[in-house]
Every structure is written in C-alpha cells, then in structure tokens.
Amino acid sequence: MFKFNIKNLIWAIAGLVLLTVAVFFIVNWLVNSKNSTSSENA
C-alpha cells in the first residue's frame, strides 16, 4: 500500500507544474517560429 506523504504530494504538484510550463513554452515557441513571417497580420 502506498504511504501518503506530503513531500510526495509537493513533488508531484511541482513536477506537474514544471511539465505544464515546459509544454506551454515549447508550443509557444513552435507557434512563434512557424508564424514569424506572418506575425504582422495579427
């Protein structure tokens, strides 16, 4: 049985936040690099 631990919860939340931020920045960079030529139309 998994023993619940506050430290494990904090690490899980921190990892999830870091993963979300990393994915957001990667997607944002891909969109910016793909639309760099047509960015003035926005």
Protein backbone atom coordinates (compact mmCIF):
# COMPACT_ATOMS: atom_id res chain seq x y z
CA MET A 1 0.00 0.00 0.00
CA PHE A 2 1.31 3.42 -0.90
CA LYS A 3 2.01 5.52 2.17
CA PHE A 4 0.66 9.01 1.55
CA ASN A 5 3.23 11.70 2.15
CA ILE A 6 3.06 15.49 1.99
CA LYS A 7 6.52 15.60 0.40
CA ASN A 8 5.35 13.23 -2.35
CA LEU A 9 2.33 15.45 -2.98
CA ILE A 10 4.52 18.56 -3.20
CA TRP A 11 6.92 16.83 -5.60
CA ALA A 12 4.01 15.60 -7.73
CA ILE A 13 2.49 19.08 -7.94
CA ALA A 14 5.87 20.69 -8.66
CA GLY A 15 6.58 18.16 -11.40
CA LEU A 16 3.16 18.68 -12.93
CA VAL A 17 3.59 22.47 -12.91
CA LEU A 18 7.06 22.24 -14.45
CA LEU A 19 5.80 19.86 -17.12
CA THR A 20 2.87 22.16 -17.95
CA VAL A 21 5.14 25.21 -18.16
CA ALA A 22 7.64 23.34 -20.34
CA VAL A 23 4.90 22.16 -22.74
CA PHE A 24 3.44 25.69 -22.85
CA PHE A 25 6.80 27.25 -23.74
CA ILE A 26 7.54 24.57 -26.36
CA VAL A 27 4.15 25.06 -28.04
CA ASN A 28 4.50 28.84 -27.84
CA TRP A 29 7.99 28.67 -29.41
CA LEU A 30 6.77 26.37 -32.19
CA VAL A 31 3.83 28.66 -32.99
CA ASN A 32 6.06 31.75 -32.96
CA SER A 33 8.70 30.14 -35.17
CA LYS A 34 6.05 28.89 -37.61
CA ASN A 35 4.20 32.22 -37.80
CA SER A 36 7.24 34.51 -37.56
CA THR A 37 6.76 35.74 -41.15
CA SER A 38 3.02 36.44 -40.82
CA SER A 39 3.11 37.81 -37.25
CA GLU A 40 2.42 41.36 -38.52
CA ASN A 41 -1.00 40.29 -39.84
CA ALA A 42 -2.32 39.65 -36.32
